[in-house]
């Protein structure tokens, strides 16, 4: 099974993963049908993103987050049935708003990239002609390290969940259990 993603114009803030399996594995998934294949993909991606999400929240708290970024980190899944594609994302949600932030409501999704990659020194022009020279901030990454640290775990979870889903689907069809080595 091939999972592809469209390459964005700028990949500076994007992380992607392309999974490629053996032809026999792809044939197994096709044999099961689109519904079983999508369920297997959703389950495996959801469980894998849960691991990354928990680690990302832990890392956000460790860099001195006031709680708003770690609370905003969620996972999102979207299924495109016609193309048999399941898309998953983990990171600060655009729907989360920290109402307690002063003086105005704060959306962590608008500032997470600034914390992750840092900022250059810049000028801030305020109302009333006030000009402030901001010194910039050092990068405090929490997104990229959580993805990098969990790559192997994510792939292992996805593999085991796919095998479990295939076994379950084959049991429903009354066929022998799937085994990765080829022998039932």
Protein backbone atom coordinates (compact mmCIF):
# COMPACT_ATOMS: atom_id res chain seq x y z
CA UNK A 1 0.00 0.00 0.00
CA UNK A 2 1.34 3.39 -0.88
CA UNK A 3 0.38 6.41 1.15
CA UNK A 4 1.29 9.62 -0.62
CA UNK A 5 1.07 13.25 0.26
CA UNK A 6 1.18 16.28 -1.97
CA UNK A 7 4.45 18.15 -1.52
CA UNK A 8 3.65 21.71 -0.35
CA UNK A 9 5.42 24.70 -1.90
CA UNK A 10 7.34 25.27 1.33
CA UNK A 11 8.27 22.28 3.48
CA UNK A 12 9.93 24.32 6.22
CA UNK A 13 7.04 23.70 8.65
CA UNK A 14 5.76 20.42 7.22
CA UNK A 15 6.66 16.86 8.09
CA UNK A 16 5.53 13.93 6.02
CA UNK A 17 5.90 10.22 5.87
CA UNK A 18 5.44 7.90 2.94
CA UNK A 19 4.79 4.25 3.68
CA UNK A 20 5.58 1.61 1.12
CA UNK A 21 4.83 -2.05 1.64
CA UNK A 22 5.49 -5.28 -0.12
CA UNK A 23 3.31 -6.13 -3.09
CA UNK A 24 1.78 -9.09 -1.21
CA UNK A 25 0.70 -6.78 1.62
CA UNK A 26 -0.91 -4.43 -0.88
CA UNK A 27 -2.68 -7.38 -2.50
CA UNK A 28 -3.99 -8.49 0.92
CA UNK A 29 -5.46 -5.06 1.56
CA UNK A 30 -7.08 -4.94 -1.87
CA UNK A 31 -8.49 -8.43 -1.29
CA UNK A 32 -10.15 -7.19 1.89
CA UNK A 33 -11.87 -4.31 0.16
CA UNK A 34 -11.83 -0.57 0.61
CA UNK A 35 -13.83 -0.46 3.85
CA UNK A 36 -11.57 -2.85 5.73
CA UNK A 37 -8.50 -1.13 4.32
CA UNK A 38 -9.69 2.31 5.46
CA UNK A 39 -10.63 1.01 8.93
CA UNK A 40 -7.19 -0.57 9.28
CA UNK A 41 -5.52 2.68 8.18
CA UNK A 42 -7.64 4.86 10.51
CA UNK A 43 -7.02 2.62 13.51
CA UNK A 44 -3.28 2.33 12.95
CA UNK A 45 -2.79 6.04 12.21
CA UNK A 46 -4.92 7.08 15.19
CA UNK A 47 -3.00 4.90 17.65
CA UNK A 48 0.34 6.04 16.22
CA UNK A 49 -0.62 9.72 16.43
CA UNK A 50 -1.71 9.25 20.04
CA UNK A 51 1.88 8.31 20.94
CA UNK A 52 3.26 11.36 19.13
CA UNK A 53 0.60 13.64 20.63
CA UNK A 54 1.39 12.58 24.22
CA UNK A 55 5.11 13.10 23.66
CA UNK A 56 4.52 16.47 22.00
CA UNK A 57 2.44 17.65 24.99
CA UNK A 58 5.16 16.49 27.39
CA UNK A 59 7.83 18.36 25.40
CA UNK A 60 5.69 21.52 25.19
CA UNK A 61 5.40 21.56 28.99
CA UNK A 62 9.16 20.96 29.32
CA UNK A 63 10.05 24.07 27.27
CA UNK A 64 8.15 26.33 29.65
CA UNK A 65 4.70 26.29 28.09
CA UNK A 66 2.10 28.02 30.26
CA UNK A 67 -0.28 25.15 29.45
CA UNK A 68 -2.04 26.64 26.45
CA UNK A 69 0.11 24.96 23.79
CA UNK A 70 0.05 21.54 25.43
CA UNK A 71 -3.75 21.79 25.89
CA UNK A 72 -4.20 22.73 22.23
CA UNK A 73 -2.28 19.73 20.83
CA UNK A 74 -4.71 17.34 19.18
CA UNK A 75 -4.77 14.73 16.47
CA UNK A 76 -6.99 14.90 13.42
CA UNK A 77 -7.91 12.17 10.94
CA UNK A 78 -9.58 12.60 7.58
CA UNK A 79 -10.66 9.85 5.20
CA UNK A 80 -10.96 10.29 1.45
CA UNK A 81 -13.06 7.23 0.54
CA UNK A 82 -12.92 7.56 -3.24
CA UNK A 83 -9.13 7.55 -3.26
CA UNK A 84 -8.67 5.13 -0.32
CA UNK A 85 -6.54 7.69 1.49
CA UNK A 86 -6.44 8.32 5.23
CA UNK A 87 -4.70 11.50 6.34
CA UNK A 88 -3.53 12.16 9.89
CA UNK A 89 -2.13 15.23 11.61
CA UNK A 90 -0.99 16.07 15.12
CA UNK A 91 -0.20 19.53 16.47
CA UNK A 92 -1.75 22.66 17.96
CA UNK A 93 -5.42 22.91 17.02
CA UNK A 94 -6.75 26.06 15.39
CA UNK A 95 -10.01 25.55 17.33
CA UNK A 96 -8.42 25.91 20.78
CA UNK A 97 -8.50 29.41 22.26
CA UNK A 98 -7.00 30.28 25.65
CA UNK A 99 -9.64 32.68 26.97
CA UNK A 100 -7.64 33.31 30.16
CA UNK A 101 -4.74 34.91 28.26
CA UNK A 102 -4.29 38.61 28.91
CA UNK A 103 -5.14 41.07 27.45
CA UNK A 104 -6.84 39.23 24.56
CA UNK A 105 -7.70 35.63 23.77
CA UNK A 106 -4.70 33.64 22.58
CA UNK A 107 -4.61 30.91 19.89
CA UNK A 108 -1.54 28.70 20.41
CA UNK A 109 -1.79 27.49 16.80
CA UNK A 110 -0.83 31.03 15.73
CA UNK A 111 2.38 31.06 17.80
CA UNK A 112 3.58 27.43 17.97
CA UNK A 113 5.79 27.80 14.89
CA UNK A 114 7.45 30.86 16.43
CA UNK A 115 8.35 28.81 19.50
CA UNK A 116 9.45 25.81 17.41
CA UNK A 117 11.73 27.75 15.04
CA UNK A 118 12.42 30.95 17.00
CA UNK A 119 12.27 34.49 15.61
CA UNK A 120 14.80 36.95 14.24
CA UNK A 121 15.26 40.37 15.81
CA UNK A 122 12.51 42.65 14.51
CA UNK A 123 10.77 45.97 15.05
CA UNK A 124 7.30 46.10 16.61
CA UNK A 125 5.27 49.20 15.80
CA UNK A 126 2.50 49.89 18.28
CA UNK A 127 -0.37 52.33 18.26
CA UNK A 128 0.56 55.87 19.10
CA UNK A 129 3.86 55.74 17.22
CA UNK A 130 5.64 53.57 19.81
CA UNK A 131 8.46 51.53 18.27
CA UNK A 132 10.01 48.60 20.13
CA UNK A 133 13.09 46.68 18.99
CA UNK A 134 12.42 43.00 19.76
CA UNK A 135 15.65 40.98 20.24
CA UNK A 136 14.19 37.80 18.74
CA UNK A 137 13.86 34.41 20.42
CA UNK A 138 15.89 31.23 20.31
CA UNK A 139 14.22 28.11 18.88
CA UNK A 140 12.60 25.85 21.48
CA UNK A 141 11.56 22.85 19.39
CA UNK A 142 8.89 20.49 20.66
CA UNK A 143 7.12 19.34 17.46
CA UNK A 144 10.00 18.04 15.37
CA UNK A 145 11.78 16.24 18.25
CA UNK A 146 8.58 14.38 19.20
CA UNK A 147 8.13 13.21 15.60
CA UNK A 148 11.79 12.20 15.24
CA UNK A 149 11.90 10.41 18.60
CA UNK A 150 8.81 8.34 17.85
CA UNK A 151 9.38 7.34 14.21
CA UNK A 152 10.25 3.72 15.00
CA UNK A 153 7.42 3.36 17.51
CA UNK A 154 4.93 4.84 15.03
CA UNK A 155 5.98 2.41 12.31
CA UNK A 156 5.81 -0.53 14.73
CA UNK A 157 2.31 0.47 15.92
CA UNK A 158 1.11 0.89 12.35
CA UNK A 159 2.51 -2.48 11.33
CA UNK A 160 0.97 -4.35 14.27
CA UNK A 161 -2.40 -2.61 13.86
CA UNK A 162 -2.51 -3.39 10.14
CA UNK A 163 -1.74 -7.06 10.84
CA UNK A 164 -4.42 -7.12 13.57
CA UNK A 165 -6.98 -5.53 11.23
CA UNK A 166 -6.13 -7.93 8.42
CA UNK A 167 -6.46 -10.92 10.78
CA UNK A 168 -9.83 -9.64 11.99
CA UNK A 169 -11.13 -9.07 8.45
CA UNK A 170 -9.94 -12.50 7.28
CA UNK A 171 -11.60 -14.13 10.30
CA UNK A 172 -14.89 -12.45 9.32
CA UNK A 173 -14.51 -13.81 5.79
CA UNK A 174 -13.72 -17.31 7.12
CA UNK A 175 -10.25 -17.35 5.54
CA UNK A 176 -7.09 -18.57 7.32
CA UNK A 177 -5.18 -16.15 9.53
CA UNK A 178 -2.69 -13.83 7.81
CA UNK A 179 0.96 -14.26 8.74
CA UNK A 180 3.68 -11.82 7.66
CA UNK A 181 6.03 -14.65 6.70
CA UNK A 182 3.64 -15.91 4.03
CA UNK A 183 2.50 -19.20 5.66
CA UNK A 184 -0.95 -19.24 7.31
